Amino acid sequence: MNNFTAEIVTNAPEETLEVGVKLAPFIGVGKIAYLKGPLGAGKTTLVKGITSYYNCTQPAKSPTFILVTSYFGDISINHCDFFRLNNSEEIFDLALEEYLEDGNLIIEWPEIGEKYLPDPDVEIILEHTDDENKRKISINSYNKQVLSSIKK
């Protein structure tokens, strides 16, 4: 993937949510986003922004004990969490390609199954900073417009 990269720092959870809203148009039907970062880095907050953009009726929550949580709105947001997979081959049992027919895939902990997953349209890496409310967010995409959307 020919990547363009941008980094931003958010100062509060509300700003991380807003980044999700700005990225959402680029993670539409048939698109895949990887979400990387340690526990508590704001991955679910970012997904809340995406679900908000697509008018999903349920609020996003951490899918830690569920492999795929779907939220329904203008499209289906399919929030995956591979943290609890025992091995990467387990992703074949999830039939992930079917989720892309009327929605997207947002995959937390993609490292666990990355060798079997297609390249993402967007890769988002969230990191803690010295300030407990701030997050460093790195965004990689082959689409330069994705990056310009978050800087507005």
Protein backbone atom coordinates (compact mmCIF):
# COMPACT_ATOMS: atom_id res chain seq x y z
CA MET A 1 0.00 0.00 0.00
CA ASN A 2 1.37 3.42 -0.95
CA ASN A 3 0.93 5.21 2.34
CA PHE A 4 0.41 8.79 3.26
CA THR A 5 0.79 9.46 6.97
CA ALA A 6 -0.43 12.16 9.34
CA GLU A 7 -0.11 12.59 13.08
CA ILE A 8 -2.28 14.66 15.36
CA VAL A 9 -2.66 15.07 19.09
CA THR A 10 -6.10 15.27 20.66
CA ASN A 11 -6.51 17.03 23.99
CA ALA A 12 -9.67 15.33 25.25
CA PRO A 13 -11.89 12.32 24.47
CA GLU A 14 -14.30 14.65 22.64
CA GLU A 15 -11.53 15.55 20.18
CA THR A 16 -10.73 11.86 19.61
CA LEU A 17 -14.43 11.28 18.92
CA GLU A 18 -14.33 14.15 16.40
CA VAL A 19 -11.42 12.48 14.59
CA GLY A 20 -13.66 9.42 14.21
CA VAL A 21 -16.42 11.59 12.72
CA LYS A 22 -13.95 13.10 10.21
CA LEU A 23 -12.53 9.71 9.21
CA ALA A 24 -15.92 8.00 8.87
CA PRO A 25 -16.66 9.04 5.25
CA PHE A 26 -13.48 7.21 4.20
CA ILE A 27 -14.48 4.03 6.03
CA GLY A 28 -17.74 3.35 4.21
CA VAL A 29 -19.26 0.20 2.75
CA GLY A 30 -16.63 -2.33 1.77
CA LYS A 31 -13.82 -0.52 3.59
CA ILE A 32 -11.49 -1.84 6.27
CA ALA A 33 -9.83 0.13 9.06
CA TYR A 34 -7.23 -1.21 11.43
CA LEU A 35 -7.20 0.26 14.94
CA LYS A 36 -3.99 -0.23 16.85
CA GLY A 37 -2.98 0.89 20.30
CA PRO A 38 -2.78 -0.24 23.90
CA LEU A 39 -5.77 -0.74 26.16
CA GLY A 40 -7.36 2.57 27.12
CA ALA A 41 -5.81 4.52 24.24
CA GLY A 42 -9.16 5.70 22.85
CA LYS A 43 -9.96 3.13 20.17
CA THR A 44 -13.58 2.77 21.26
CA THR A 45 -13.97 6.55 21.58
CA LEU A 46 -12.84 6.88 17.96
CA VAL A 47 -15.36 4.19 16.91
CA LYS A 48 -18.08 6.17 18.71
CA GLY A 49 -17.32 9.04 16.33
CA ILE A 50 -17.64 6.75 13.33
CA THR A 51 -20.96 5.29 14.53
CA SER A 52 -22.21 8.80 15.24
CA TYR A 53 -21.43 9.89 11.67
CA TYR A 54 -23.41 6.95 10.28
CA ASN A 55 -26.38 7.56 12.61
CA CYS A 56 -26.13 4.21 14.36
CA THR A 57 -28.83 3.71 16.96
CA GLN A 58 -26.68 1.97 19.57
CA PRO A 59 -23.69 3.64 21.23
CA ALA A 60 -20.39 1.90 20.50
CA LYS A 61 -18.80 0.10 23.39
CA SER A 62 -15.60 -1.84 23.83
CA PRO A 63 -16.01 -5.24 22.16
CA THR A 64 -13.39 -6.90 24.39
CA PHE A 65 -15.38 -10.07 25.05
CA ILE A 66 -17.18 -10.18 21.69
CA LEU A 67 -15.27 -10.78 18.46
CA VAL A 68 -17.60 -8.72 16.23
CA THR A 69 -20.14 -6.15 17.36
CA SER A 70 -22.36 -4.63 14.65
CA TYR A 71 -23.98 -1.21 14.90
CA PHE A 72 -26.75 -0.35 12.47
CA GLY A 73 -27.42 3.04 10.95
CA ASP A 74 -26.89 4.41 7.44
CA ILE A 75 -24.48 1.49 7.01
CA SER A 76 -23.44 -1.38 9.27
CA ILE A 77 -20.40 -0.61 11.39
CA ASN A 78 -18.75 -3.93 12.25
CA HIS A 79 -16.38 -3.43 15.16
CA CYS A 80 -14.01 -6.40 15.56
CA ASP A 81 -11.71 -7.15 18.46
CA PHE A 82 -9.15 -9.87 17.87
CA PHE A 83 -7.51 -9.51 21.30
CA ARG A 84 -8.96 -12.78 22.57
CA LEU A 85 -8.26 -14.91 19.50
CA ASN A 86 -6.11 -17.91 20.36
CA ASN A 87 -4.57 -18.05 16.89
CA SER A 88 -4.80 -16.14 13.64
CA GLU A 89 -6.62 -18.96 11.81
CA GLU A 90 -9.72 -18.33 13.95
CA ILE A 91 -10.55 -15.30 11.79
CA PHE A 92 -11.69 -17.68 9.03
CA ASP A 93 -14.60 -18.74 11.23
CA LEU A 94 -15.85 -15.13 11.36
CA ALA A 95 -16.68 -14.85 7.60
CA LEU A 96 -15.49 -11.24 7.65
CA GLU A 97 -16.02 -10.67 3.92
CA GLU A 98 -19.80 -10.96 4.45
CA TYR A 99 -19.74 -7.91 6.73
CA LEU A 100 -18.35 -5.80 3.88
CA GLU A 101 -21.47 -6.29 1.74
CA ASP A 102 -23.48 -3.63 3.58
CA GLY A 103 -20.95 -2.17 5.95
CA ASN A 104 -17.35 -1.85 6.95
CA LEU A 105 -14.88 -3.59 9.23
CA ILE A 106 -13.09 -1.73 11.99
CA ILE A 107 -10.58 -4.16 13.44
CA GLU A 108 -8.90 -3.74 16.81
CA TRP A 109 -5.77 -5.81 17.40
CA PRO A 110 -5.40 -6.70 13.69
CA GLU A 111 -1.81 -7.81 14.35
CA ILE A 112 -3.20 -11.14 15.55
CA GLY A 113 -4.69 -12.02 12.14
CA GLU A 114 -2.86 -9.62 9.85
CA LYS A 115 -1.26 -12.30 7.70
CA TYR A 116 -4.75 -13.42 6.62
CA LEU A 117 -6.41 -10.01 6.40
CA PRO A 118 -6.52 -7.76 3.35
CA ASP A 119 -4.65 -4.47 3.56
CA PRO A 120 -6.70 -1.79 5.30
CA ASP A 121 -8.00 1.33 3.62
CA VAL A 122 -7.02 3.23 6.76
CA GLU A 123 -4.72 2.29 9.63
CA ILE A 124 -5.17 4.28 12.85
CA ILE A 125 -2.67 4.04 15.69
CA LEU A 126 -3.60 5.61 19.03
CA GLU A 127 -1.03 6.17 21.75
CA HIS A 128 -1.06 7.47 25.30
CA THR A 129 0.91 10.64 26.05
CA ASP A 130 2.26 12.05 29.31
CA ASP A 131 -1.05 13.86 29.80
CA GLU A 132 -3.81 11.34 30.63
CA ASN A 133 -6.36 13.16 28.43
CA LYS A 134 -4.17 13.61 25.35
CA ARG A 135 -3.76 11.02 22.62
CA LYS A 136 -1.30 10.88 19.74
CA ILE A 137 -3.10 9.54 16.68
CA SER A 138 -1.20 8.38 13.59
CA ILE A 139 -3.22 7.76 10.45
CA ASN A 140 -1.93 5.86 7.43
CA SER A 141 -3.83 5.58 4.17
CA TYR A 142 -3.27 5.25 0.46
CA ASN A 143 -5.85 8.05 0.06
CA LYS A 144 -4.36 11.48 0.73
CA GLN A 145 -7.85 12.97 1.23
CA VAL A 146 -8.23 10.94 4.42
CA LEU A 147 -5.35 12.84 5.95
CA SER A 148 -6.50 16.27 4.84
CA SER A 149 -9.94 15.62 6.36
CA ILE A 150 -8.59 15.32 9.89
CA LYS A 151 -6.57 18.52 9.70
CA LYS A 152 -9.65 20.69 9.13
